[in-house]
Amino acid sequence: MLATVSGSLALLVGLAVMLLPLLASELSRPRDAAWGAVVLLMGLTLVTSADRLTGAPMLAVLCGALLIGRLGNEVLQGRWRMLSPEEQQRLFSLERWQTSLSELFSSSAKAADALSTTSSSLLSAFKGGQRKTSVSKRWVRAEAVSQGNEEQTAPTENGTPESAPSETVVVSSFEEIDQLIEASSPQAG
């Protein structure tokens, strides 16, 4: 019972330490995420092996948790004292927390979207090899017209032309594109 309660508390504290850069960047430091992960791992271990922790091992775990809590409190107080009075006042404002929470939710949504995209592409790669998507390509090319002898290119059954155009036209502005379109239209001649 005690191991489960202290493990659940460690899970909450570890999550709070990991989210500290997103929620209160004034109080966070670069390695807080790593220490938050360590506390999360400790909490996960306590929750999953609560039935094996009895007697002296449980007393050792409880003393370790108290030491970690005390040292964490000292670190938090030291970081609080390093803040200017304006920063301390800003931490208590409602709009600052609304902004922080909205940033947290937007970053979480982006992470969930990226995770779902990655997992769906991995699942499709494992299930059927390459992902089969229908891609329709539209070939844009200049028509080769010589004196009375027009070169006809008919697409084959897979959509590719039988003969490729002999010359590629390179344009550098939209006006050149408009001129090419007007020159190729049947009404221009």
N, C-alpha and C. Protein backbone atom coordinates (compact mmCIF):
# COMPACT_ATOMS: atom_id res chain seq x y z
N MET A 1 0.82 -1.19 0.00
CA MET A 1 0.00 0.00 0.00
C MET A 1 0.86 1.26 0.00
N LEU A 2 1.87 1.28 0.88
CA LEU A 2 2.74 2.45 0.99
C LEU A 2 3.58 2.62 -0.29
N ALA A 3 4.02 1.48 -0.85
CA ALA A 3 4.81 1.55 -2.09
C ALA A 3 3.96 2.06 -3.24
N THR A 4 2.72 1.66 -3.30
CA THR A 4 1.83 2.12 -4.37
C THR A 4 1.56 3.62 -4.25
N VAL A 5 1.32 4.08 -3.04
CA VAL A 5 1.05 5.51 -2.83
C VAL A 5 2.29 6.34 -3.15
N SER A 6 3.46 5.91 -2.63
CA SER A 6 4.67 6.67 -2.91
C SER A 6 5.05 6.57 -4.38
N GLY A 7 4.79 5.46 -5.03
CA GLY A 7 5.05 5.33 -6.47
C GLY A 7 4.15 6.24 -7.29
N SER A 8 2.89 6.32 -6.91
CA SER A 8 1.97 7.22 -7.62
C SER A 8 2.38 8.67 -7.44
N LEU A 9 2.80 9.01 -6.22
CA LEU A 9 3.30 10.36 -5.97
C LEU A 9 4.55 10.65 -6.79
N ALA A 10 5.46 9.67 -6.90
CA ALA A 10 6.68 9.84 -7.69
C ALA A 10 6.33 9.99 -9.17
N LEU A 11 5.33 9.29 -9.64
CA LEU A 11 4.90 9.45 -11.04
C LEU A 11 4.40 10.87 -11.30
N LEU A 12 3.62 11.40 -10.36
CA LEU A 12 3.12 12.77 -10.52
C LEU A 12 4.24 13.80 -10.47
N VAL A 13 5.17 13.62 -9.53
CA VAL A 13 6.29 14.56 -9.40
C VAL A 13 7.19 14.47 -10.63
N GLY A 14 7.47 13.27 -11.11
CA GLY A 14 8.31 13.11 -12.30
C GLY A 14 7.69 13.74 -13.53
N LEU A 15 6.38 13.58 -13.67
CA LEU A 15 5.68 14.22 -14.79
C LEU A 15 5.73 15.73 -14.67
N ALA A 16 5.56 16.24 -13.45
CA ALA A 16 5.63 17.69 -13.24
C ALA A 16 7.02 18.23 -13.56
N VAL A 17 8.06 17.50 -13.18
CA VAL A 17 9.43 17.94 -13.46
C VAL A 17 9.70 17.89 -14.96
N MET A 18 9.18 16.88 -15.64
CA MET A 18 9.38 16.81 -17.09
C MET A 18 8.64 17.90 -17.83
N LEU A 19 7.49 18.33 -17.32
CA LEU A 19 6.71 19.38 -17.97
C LEU A 19 7.11 20.78 -17.50
N LEU A 20 8.05 20.87 -16.58
CA LEU A 20 8.47 22.16 -16.05
C LEU A 20 8.96 23.14 -17.12
N PRO A 21 9.74 22.71 -18.12
CA PRO A 21 10.14 23.67 -19.16
C PRO A 21 8.97 24.23 -19.96
N LEU A 22 7.91 23.48 -20.09
CA LEU A 22 6.74 23.98 -20.82
C LEU A 22 5.84 24.84 -19.95
N LEU A 23 5.75 24.51 -18.69
CA LEU A 23 4.82 25.22 -17.82
C LEU A 23 5.45 26.42 -17.12
N ALA A 24 6.64 26.25 -16.57
CA ALA A 24 7.31 27.34 -15.85
C ALA A 24 8.77 27.38 -16.28
N SER A 25 9.01 27.96 -17.43
CA SER A 25 10.37 27.97 -17.98
C SER A 25 11.34 28.76 -17.12
N GLU A 26 10.83 29.67 -16.28
CA GLU A 26 11.71 30.45 -15.41
C GLU A 26 12.38 29.57 -14.36
N LEU A 27 11.69 28.54 -13.94
CA LEU A 27 12.20 27.66 -12.90
C LEU A 27 12.94 26.44 -13.44
N SER A 28 12.90 26.21 -14.72
CA SER A 28 13.49 24.99 -15.28
C SER A 28 14.96 25.18 -15.63
N ARG A 29 15.65 24.06 -15.71
CA ARG A 29 17.05 24.02 -16.10
C ARG A 29 17.20 22.97 -17.19
N PRO A 30 18.32 22.97 -17.92
CA PRO A 30 18.45 22.08 -19.07
C PRO A 30 18.31 20.58 -18.77
N ARG A 31 18.75 20.10 -17.64
CA ARG A 31 18.71 18.66 -17.37
C ARG A 31 17.50 18.22 -16.55
N ASP A 32 16.52 19.06 -16.42
CA ASP A 32 15.34 18.70 -15.63
C ASP A 32 14.58 17.53 -16.24
N ALA A 33 14.54 17.45 -17.56
CA ALA A 33 13.81 16.36 -18.20
C ALA A 33 14.43 15.01 -17.85
N ALA A 34 15.74 14.94 -17.80
CA ALA A 34 16.41 13.68 -17.45
C ALA A 34 16.10 13.28 -16.01
N TRP A 35 16.15 14.25 -15.09
CA TRP A 35 15.85 13.93 -13.70
C TRP A 35 14.38 13.59 -13.52
N GLY A 36 13.52 14.24 -14.28
CA GLY A 36 12.10 13.88 -14.24
C GLY A 36 11.88 12.45 -14.72
N ALA A 37 12.62 12.04 -15.74
CA ALA A 37 12.52 10.66 -16.24
C ALA A 37 13.00 9.66 -15.19
N VAL A 38 14.03 10.03 -14.44
CA VAL A 38 14.52 9.14 -13.37
C VAL A 38 13.46 8.99 -12.29
N VAL A 39 12.82 10.08 -11.91
CA VAL A 39 11.77 10.00 -10.89
C VAL A 39 10.57 9.21 -11.42
N LEU A 40 10.25 9.39 -12.71
CA LEU A 40 9.17 8.58 -13.30
C LEU A 40 9.51 7.10 -13.26
N LEU A 41 10.74 6.77 -13.57
CA LEU A 41 11.17 5.37 -13.54
C LEU A 41 11.08 4.80 -12.12
N MET A 42 11.47 5.61 -11.14
CA MET A 42 11.36 5.17 -9.76
C MET A 42 9.89 4.93 -9.38
N GLY A 43 9.02 5.86 -9.78
CA GLY A 43 7.61 5.69 -9.48
C GLY A 43 7.01 4.47 -10.16
N LEU A 44 7.41 4.23 -11.40
CA LEU A 44 6.92 3.06 -12.12
C LEU A 44 7.39 1.77 -11.45
N THR A 45 8.62 1.77 -11.00
CA THR A 45 9.15 0.60 -10.31
C THR A 45 8.41 0.36 -8.99
N LEU A 46 8.14 1.44 -8.27
CA LEU A 46 7.42 1.29 -7.00
C LEU A 46 6.00 0.78 -7.21
N VAL A 47 5.34 1.27 -8.22
CA VAL A 47 3.95 0.85 -8.45
C VAL A 47 3.89 -0.60 -8.93
N THR A 48 4.80 -0.98 -9.83
CA THR A 48 4.72 -2.34 -10.38
C THR A 48 5.24 -3.42 -9.44
N SER A 49 6.14 -3.07 -8.53
CA SER A 49 6.67 -4.09 -7.62
C SER A 49 6.28 -3.81 -6.17
N ALA A 50 5.10 -3.28 -5.97
CA ALA A 50 4.65 -2.93 -4.62
C ALA A 50 4.47 -4.17 -3.75
N ASP A 51 4.11 -5.31 -4.33
CA ASP A 51 3.89 -6.51 -3.53
C ASP A 51 5.20 -7.08 -2.98
N ARG A 52 6.32 -6.81 -3.63
CA ARG A 52 7.61 -7.35 -3.17
C ARG A 52 8.31 -6.44 -2.17
N LEU A 53 7.86 -5.19 -2.07
CA LEU A 53 8.52 -4.25 -1.16
C LEU A 53 7.82 -4.26 0.20
N THR A 54 8.37 -5.03 1.11
CA THR A 54 7.83 -5.08 2.47
C THR A 54 9.00 -5.06 3.44
N GLY A 55 8.77 -4.58 4.63
CA GLY A 55 9.78 -4.60 5.67
C GLY A 55 10.91 -3.61 5.41
N ALA A 56 12.15 -4.09 5.55
CA ALA A 56 13.33 -3.23 5.44
C ALA A 56 13.49 -2.59 4.06
N PRO A 57 13.24 -3.33 2.95
CA PRO A 57 13.36 -2.66 1.64
C PRO A 57 12.36 -1.51 1.48
N MET A 58 11.18 -1.68 2.06
CA MET A 58 10.19 -0.60 1.97
C MET A 58 10.63 0.59 2.81
N LEU A 59 11.25 0.35 3.93
CA LEU A 59 11.76 1.43 4.76
C LEU A 59 12.87 2.19 4.02
N ALA A 60 13.73 1.45 3.31
CA ALA A 60 14.80 2.09 2.53
C ALA A 60 14.21 2.93 1.39
N VAL A 61 13.20 2.42 0.74
CA VAL A 61 12.55 3.16 -0.34
C VAL A 61 11.88 4.41 0.22
N LEU A 62 11.24 4.30 1.35
CA LEU A 62 10.58 5.45 1.97
C LEU A 62 11.59 6.52 2.37
N CYS A 63 12.72 6.10 2.95
CA CYS A 63 13.76 7.07 3.31
C CYS A 63 14.35 7.72 2.06
N GLY A 64 14.56 6.95 1.01
CA GLY A 64 15.06 7.51 -0.25
C GLY A 64 14.09 8.51 -0.84
N ALA A 65 12.81 8.20 -0.79
CA ALA A 65 11.80 9.13 -1.32
C ALA A 65 11.77 10.42 -0.50
N LEU A 66 11.91 10.30 0.82
CA LEU A 66 11.95 11.50 1.67
C LEU A 66 13.19 12.35 1.37
N LEU A 67 14.33 11.70 1.15
CA LEU A 67 15.55 12.44 0.80
C LEU A 67 15.40 13.15 -0.55
N ILE A 68 14.84 12.45 -1.52
CA ILE A 68 14.63 13.05 -2.84
C ILE A 68 13.68 14.24 -2.74
N GLY A 69 12.63 14.07 -1.94
CA GLY A 69 11.69 15.18 -1.75
C GLY A 69 12.33 16.38 -1.09
N ARG A 70 13.13 16.13 -0.07
CA ARG A 70 13.81 17.22 0.65
C ARG A 70 14.80 17.95 -0.27
N LEU A 71 15.60 17.21 -1.01
CA LEU A 71 16.56 17.82 -1.93
C LEU A 71 15.85 18.57 -3.06
N GLY A 72 14.75 18.00 -3.54
CA GLY A 72 13.96 18.70 -4.57
C GLY A 72 13.40 20.00 -4.07
N ASN A 73 12.95 20.00 -2.82
CA ASN A 73 12.44 21.22 -2.20
C ASN A 73 13.53 22.28 -2.09
N GLU A 74 14.73 21.89 -1.68
CA GLU A 74 15.86 22.82 -1.59
C GLU A 74 16.21 23.42 -2.95
N VAL A 75 16.22 22.58 -3.98
CA VAL A 75 16.52 23.06 -5.33
C VAL A 75 15.45 24.04 -5.80
N LEU A 76 14.21 23.71 -5.55
CA LEU A 76 13.11 24.59 -5.97
C LEU A 76 13.17 25.93 -5.23
N GLN A 77 13.48 25.91 -3.95
CA GLN A 77 13.61 27.16 -3.20
C GLN A 77 14.79 27.99 -3.71
N GLY A 78 15.89 27.33 -4.05
CA GLY A 78 17.04 28.06 -4.60
C GLY A 78 16.72 28.70 -5.94
N ARG A 79 15.99 27.98 -6.77
CA ARG A 79 15.60 28.55 -8.06
C ARG A 79 14.61 29.70 -7.87
N TRP A 80 13.74 29.58 -6.88
CA TRP A 80 12.77 30.65 -6.62
C TRP A 80 13.48 31.93 -6.17
N ARG A 81 14.50 31.77 -5.32
CA ARG A 81 15.24 32.93 -4.84
C ARG A 81 16.04 33.61 -5.94
N MET A 82 16.40 32.87 -6.98
CA MET A 82 17.17 33.45 -8.08
C MET A 82 16.30 34.30 -9.01
N LEU A 83 14.99 34.15 -8.92
CA LEU A 83 14.09 34.93 -9.77
C LEU A 83 13.99 36.36 -9.26
N SER A 84 13.80 37.28 -10.20
CA SER A 84 13.57 38.67 -9.81
C SER A 84 12.14 38.81 -9.27
N PRO A 85 11.85 39.87 -8.52
CA PRO A 85 10.48 40.04 -8.00
C PRO A 85 9.44 40.12 -9.12
N GLU A 86 9.80 40.68 -10.27
CA GLU A 86 8.84 40.75 -11.40
C GLU A 86 8.53 39.34 -11.92
N GLU A 87 9.56 38.50 -12.00
CA GLU A 87 9.35 37.13 -12.47
C GLU A 87 8.54 36.32 -11.46
N GLN A 88 8.79 36.55 -10.18
CA GLN A 88 8.01 35.87 -9.15
C GLN A 88 6.54 36.28 -9.23
N GLN A 89 6.30 37.58 -9.45
CA GLN A 89 4.92 38.07 -9.56
C GLN A 89 4.25 37.51 -10.81
N ARG A 90 5.04 37.43 -11.90
CA ARG A 90 4.49 36.95 -13.17
C ARG A 90 4.06 35.49 -13.08
N LEU A 91 4.75 34.70 -12.25
CA LEU A 91 4.39 33.29 -12.10
C LEU A 91 3.00 33.10 -11.50
N PHE A 92 2.50 34.09 -10.79
CA PHE A 92 1.18 33.98 -10.18
C PHE A 92 0.06 34.55 -11.05
N SER A 93 0.39 35.09 -12.24
CA SER A 93 -0.65 35.68 -13.07
C SER A 93 -1.41 34.59 -13.84
N LEU A 94 -2.70 34.83 -13.99
CA LEU A 94 -3.57 33.86 -14.65
C LEU A 94 -3.29 33.75 -16.14
N GLU A 95 -3.04 34.87 -16.80
CA GLU A 95 -2.81 34.84 -18.25
C GLU A 95 -1.51 34.12 -18.60
N ARG A 96 -0.51 34.18 -17.73
CA ARG A 96 0.73 33.46 -17.98
C ARG A 96 0.49 31.96 -17.97
N TRP A 97 -0.32 31.48 -17.03
CA TRP A 97 -0.63 30.05 -16.97
C TRP A 97 -1.53 29.62 -18.12
N GLN A 98 -2.44 30.49 -18.54
CA GLN A 98 -3.27 30.16 -19.71
C GLN A 98 -2.40 30.02 -20.96
N THR A 99 -1.44 30.92 -21.12
CA THR A 99 -0.53 30.84 -22.27
C THR A 99 0.30 29.57 -22.20
N SER A 100 0.83 29.27 -21.03
CA SER A 100 1.65 28.06 -20.88
C SER A 100 0.84 26.80 -21.16
N LEU A 101 -0.38 26.75 -20.65
CA LEU A 101 -1.21 25.56 -20.88
C LEU A 101 -1.62 25.44 -22.35
N SER A 102 -1.90 26.56 -23.01
CA SER A 102 -2.24 26.47 -24.43
C SER A 102 -1.04 26.01 -25.25
N GLU A 103 0.17 26.45 -24.88
CA GLU A 103 1.37 25.97 -25.57
C GLU A 103 1.57 24.47 -25.31
N LEU A 104 1.29 24.03 -24.09
CA LEU A 104 1.42 22.62 -23.76
C LEU A 104 0.45 21.78 -24.59
N PHE A 105 -0.81 22.23 -24.69
CA PHE A 105 -1.79 21.48 -25.45
C PHE A 105 -1.47 21.47 -26.94
N SER A 106 -0.99 22.60 -27.48
CA SER A 106 -0.67 22.62 -28.91
C SER A 106 0.54 21.74 -29.21
N SER A 107 1.55 21.76 -28.35
CA SER A 107 2.70 20.89 -28.58
C SER A 107 2.33 19.42 -28.40
N SER A 108 1.42 19.13 -27.47
CA SER A 108 0.95 17.76 -27.29
C SER A 108 0.16 17.29 -28.51
N ALA A 109 -0.65 18.17 -29.08
CA ALA A 109 -1.41 17.81 -30.27
C ALA A 109 -0.48 17.56 -31.45
N LYS A 110 0.55 18.39 -31.60
CA LYS A 110 1.51 18.17 -32.68
C LYS A 110 2.27 16.86 -32.49
N ALA A 111 2.64 16.57 -31.25
CA ALA A 111 3.35 15.33 -30.97
C ALA A 111 2.46 14.12 -31.23
N ALA A 112 1.19 14.21 -30.84
CA ALA A 112 0.26 13.10 -31.09
C ALA A 112 0.04 12.91 -32.58
N ASP A 113 -0.05 14.01 -33.33
CA ASP A 113 -0.23 13.91 -34.78
C ASP A 113 0.99 13.28 -35.44
N ALA A 114 2.17 13.69 -35.02
CA ALA A 114 3.40 13.11 -35.58
C ALA A 114 3.51 11.64 -35.22
N LEU A 115 3.13 11.29 -34.00
CA LEU A 115 3.19 9.91 -33.55
C LEU A 115 2.20 9.04 -34.33
N SER A 116 0.99 9.55 -34.56
CA SER A 116 0.01 8.76 -35.31
C SER A 116 0.42 8.61 -36.76
N THR A 117 0.98 9.64 -37.36
CA THR A 117 1.46 9.54 -38.74
C THR A 117 2.58 8.52 -38.86
N THR A 118 3.52 8.59 -37.93
CA THR A 118 4.64 7.65 -37.95
C THR A 118 4.17 6.23 -37.71
N SER A 119 3.28 6.04 -36.75
CA SER A 119 2.81 4.68 -36.46
C SER A 119 1.99 4.12 -37.61
N SER A 120 1.18 4.94 -38.27
CA SER A 120 0.40 4.42 -39.39
C SER A 120 1.29 4.06 -40.56
N SER A 121 2.34 4.85 -40.80
CA SER A 121 3.25 4.50 -41.90
C SER A 121 4.05 3.25 -41.57
N LEU A 122 4.44 3.09 -40.29
CA LEU A 122 5.15 1.88 -39.90
C LEU A 122 4.25 0.65 -39.99
N LEU A 123 3.01 0.78 -39.56
CA LEU A 123 2.08 -0.34 -39.64
C LEU A 123 1.82 -0.75 -41.08
N SER A 124 1.65 0.22 -41.95
CA SER A 124 1.41 -0.12 -43.35
C SER A 124 2.65 -0.73 -43.98
N ALA A 125 3.84 -0.31 -43.54
CA ALA A 125 5.07 -0.89 -44.07
C ALA A 125 5.23 -2.33 -43.59
N PHE A 126 4.84 -2.61 -42.36
CA PHE A 126 4.95 -3.97 -41.85
C PHE A 126 3.88 -4.89 -42.44
N LYS A 127 2.70 -4.38 -42.68
CA LYS A 127 1.61 -5.22 -43.16
C LYS A 127 1.73 -5.56 -44.64
N GLY A 128 2.00 -4.55 -45.47
CA GLY A 128 1.96 -4.83 -46.89
C GLY A 128 3.18 -4.38 -47.66
N GLY A 129 4.31 -4.29 -47.01
CA GLY A 129 5.49 -3.85 -47.74
C GLY A 129 5.41 -2.35 -47.98
N GLN A 130 5.45 -1.96 -49.23
CA GLN A 130 5.36 -0.55 -49.57
C GLN A 130 3.91 -0.08 -49.47
N ARG A 131 3.73 1.14 -49.09
CA ARG A 131 2.39 1.71 -48.99
C ARG A 131 1.88 1.97 -50.40
N LYS A 132 0.70 1.49 -50.68
CA LYS A 132 0.13 1.65 -52.01
C LYS A 132 -0.83 2.83 -52.01
N THR A 133 -0.42 3.88 -52.65
CA THR A 133 -1.28 5.05 -52.79
C THR A 133 -1.41 5.36 -54.26
N SER A 134 -2.54 5.84 -54.64
CA SER A 134 -2.74 6.17 -56.05
C SER A 134 -2.20 7.57 -56.30
N VAL A 135 -1.28 7.65 -57.22
CA VAL A 135 -0.68 8.92 -57.58
C VAL A 135 -1.00 9.18 -59.04
N SER A 136 -1.61 10.29 -59.29
CA SER A 136 -1.89 10.63 -60.69
C SER A 136 -0.96 11.76 -61.09
N LYS A 137 -0.23 11.53 -62.19
CA LYS A 137 0.71 12.53 -62.65
C LYS A 137 0.16 13.14 -63.93
N ARG A 138 0.34 14.40 -64.03
CA ARG A 138 -0.06 15.10 -65.25
C ARG A 138 1.21 15.61 -65.90
N TRP A 139 1.44 15.15 -67.11
CA TRP A 139 2.64 15.54 -67.83
C TRP A 139 2.39 16.87 -68.52
N VAL A 140 3.25 17.81 -68.27
CA VAL A 140 3.15 19.11 -68.91
C VAL A 140 4.38 19.26 -69.79
N ARG A 141 4.14 19.41 -71.08
CA ARG A 141 5.26 19.54 -72.01
C ARG A 141 4.82 20.38 -73.20
N ALA A 142 5.80 20.91 -73.87
CA ALA A 142 5.51 21.72 -75.06
C ALA A 142 5.25 20.79 -76.24
N GLU A 143 4.28 21.14 -77.06
CA GLU A 143 3.98 20.36 -78.25
C GLU A 143 4.98 20.74 -79.34
N ALA A 144 5.57 19.72 -79.95
CA ALA A 144 6.52 19.98 -81.03
C ALA A 144 5.73 20.10 -82.33
N VAL A 145 5.74 21.28 -82.92
CA VAL A 145 5.02 21.52 -84.16
C VAL A 145 6.03 22.01 -85.20
N SER A 146 6.14 21.26 -86.27
CA SER A 146 7.00 21.70 -87.37
C SER A 146 6.12 22.05 -88.56
N GLN A 147 6.68 22.43 -89.69
CA GLN A 147 5.91 22.91 -90.84
C GLN A 147 5.01 21.81 -91.36
N GLY A 148 3.77 21.83 -90.97
CA GLY A 148 2.76 20.90 -91.46
C GLY A 148 2.93 19.49 -90.94
N ASN A 149 3.98 19.21 -90.22
CA ASN A 149 4.22 17.86 -89.73
C ASN A 149 4.17 17.90 -88.20
N GLU A 150 3.03 17.58 -87.64
CA GLU A 150 2.86 17.61 -86.19
C GLU A 150 3.25 16.27 -85.60
N GLU A 151 4.03 16.34 -84.56
CA GLU A 151 4.45 15.12 -83.88
C GLU A 151 3.36 14.73 -82.89
N GLN A 152 2.78 13.57 -83.04
CA GLN A 152 1.72 13.10 -82.16
C GLN A 152 2.32 12.13 -81.14
N THR A 153 2.03 12.36 -79.91
CA THR A 153 2.45 11.43 -78.86
C THR A 153 1.21 10.99 -78.12
N ALA A 154 0.94 9.73 -78.20
CA ALA A 154 -0.22 9.18 -77.50
C ALA A 154 0.26 8.47 -76.25
N PRO A 155 -0.45 8.65 -75.17
CA PRO A 155 -0.03 7.95 -73.96
C PRO A 155 -0.27 6.45 -74.09
N THR A 156 0.60 5.68 -73.47
CA THR A 156 0.43 4.24 -73.45
C THR A 156 -0.53 3.88 -72.34
N GLU A 157 -0.71 2.59 -72.12
CA GLU A 157 -1.71 2.17 -71.12
C GLU A 157 -1.31 2.53 -69.70
N ASN A 158 -0.03 2.72 -69.41
CA ASN A 158 0.35 3.10 -68.04
C ASN A 158 0.42 4.60 -67.87
N GLY A 159 0.12 5.40 -68.88
CA GLY A 159 0.02 6.84 -68.74
C GLY A 159 1.26 7.60 -69.17
N THR A 160 2.33 6.90 -69.56
CA THR A 160 3.54 7.61 -69.98
C THR A 160 3.50 7.81 -71.49
N PRO A 161 4.05 8.89 -72.00
CA PRO A 161 4.03 9.13 -73.44
C PRO A 161 5.00 8.19 -74.15
N GLU A 162 4.65 7.88 -75.42
CA GLU A 162 5.50 6.99 -76.19
C GLU A 162 6.81 7.66 -76.57
N SER A 163 6.75 8.89 -77.01
CA SER A 163 7.98 9.59 -77.36
C SER A 163 8.08 10.86 -76.55
N ALA A 164 9.26 11.13 -76.04
CA ALA A 164 9.46 12.31 -75.21
C ALA A 164 9.67 13.53 -76.10
N PRO A 165 9.35 14.73 -75.61
CA PRO A 165 9.57 15.92 -76.42
C PRO A 165 11.07 16.13 -76.63
N SER A 166 11.39 16.71 -77.77
CA SER A 166 12.79 16.85 -78.13
C SER A 166 13.46 18.03 -77.45
N GLU A 167 12.70 19.02 -77.00
CA GLU A 167 13.28 20.22 -76.43
C GLU A 167 12.56 20.60 -75.13
N THR A 168 13.31 20.99 -74.13
CA THR A 168 12.73 21.44 -72.88
C THR A 168 12.83 22.95 -72.81
N VAL A 169 11.71 23.58 -72.48
CA VAL A 169 11.67 25.03 -72.39
C VAL A 169 11.81 25.42 -70.93
N VAL A 170 12.76 26.29 -70.65
CA VAL A 170 12.99 26.76 -69.29
C VAL A 170 12.48 28.19 -69.20
N VAL A 171 11.64 28.46 -68.22
CA VAL A 171 11.08 29.79 -68.04
C VAL A 171 11.51 30.32 -66.68
N SER A 172 11.55 31.64 -66.56
CA SER A 172 11.97 32.22 -65.30
C SER A 172 10.95 33.20 -64.73
N SER A 173 9.83 33.40 -65.41
CA SER A 173 8.81 34.30 -64.89
C SER A 173 7.44 33.83 -65.34
N PHE A 174 6.43 34.38 -64.69
CA PHE A 174 5.06 34.04 -65.04
C PHE A 174 4.68 34.61 -66.40
N GLU A 175 5.28 35.71 -66.78
CA GLU A 175 4.96 36.30 -68.09
C GLU A 175 5.41 35.38 -69.21
N GLU A 176 6.55 34.74 -69.05
CA GLU A 176 7.00 33.78 -70.07
C GLU A 176 6.06 32.59 -70.14
N ILE A 177 5.54 32.18 -68.99
CA ILE A 177 4.58 31.07 -68.99
C ILE A 177 3.31 31.48 -69.73
N ASP A 178 2.82 32.69 -69.47
CA ASP A 178 1.63 33.17 -70.18
C ASP A 178 1.87 33.24 -71.68
N GLN A 179 3.05 33.67 -72.11
CA GLN A 179 3.36 33.74 -73.54
C GLN A 179 3.37 32.34 -74.15
N LEU A 180 3.94 31.38 -73.45
CA LEU A 180 3.95 30.01 -73.96
C LEU A 180 2.55 29.43 -74.05
N ILE A 181 1.71 29.75 -73.09
CA ILE A 181 0.33 29.25 -73.11
C ILE A 181 -0.43 29.86 -74.29
N GLU A 182 -0.27 31.17 -74.50
CA GLU A 182 -0.94 31.83 -75.61
C GLU A 182 -0.44 31.31 -76.95
N ALA A 183 0.86 31.02 -77.04
CA ALA A 183 1.41 30.52 -78.29
C ALA A 183 0.95 29.10 -78.58
N SER A 184 0.68 28.31 -77.56
CA SER A 184 0.27 26.93 -77.79
C SER A 184 -1.22 26.74 -77.94
N SER A 185 -2.00 27.76 -77.64
CA SER A 185 -3.46 27.59 -77.75
C SER A 185 -3.86 27.61 -79.23
N PRO A 186 -4.90 26.86 -79.62
CA PRO A 186 -5.30 26.77 -81.02
C PRO A 186 -5.85 28.09 -81.56
N GLN A 187 -6.31 28.99 -80.70
CA GLN A 187 -6.87 30.25 -81.17
C GLN A 187 -5.78 31.26 -81.50
N ALA A 188 -4.56 31.01 -81.07
CA ALA A 188 -3.48 31.97 -81.29
C ALA A 188 -3.08 32.03 -82.76
N GLY A 189 -3.17 30.94 -83.52
CA GLY A 189 -2.70 30.88 -84.91
C GLY A 189 -3.77 31.33 -85.80
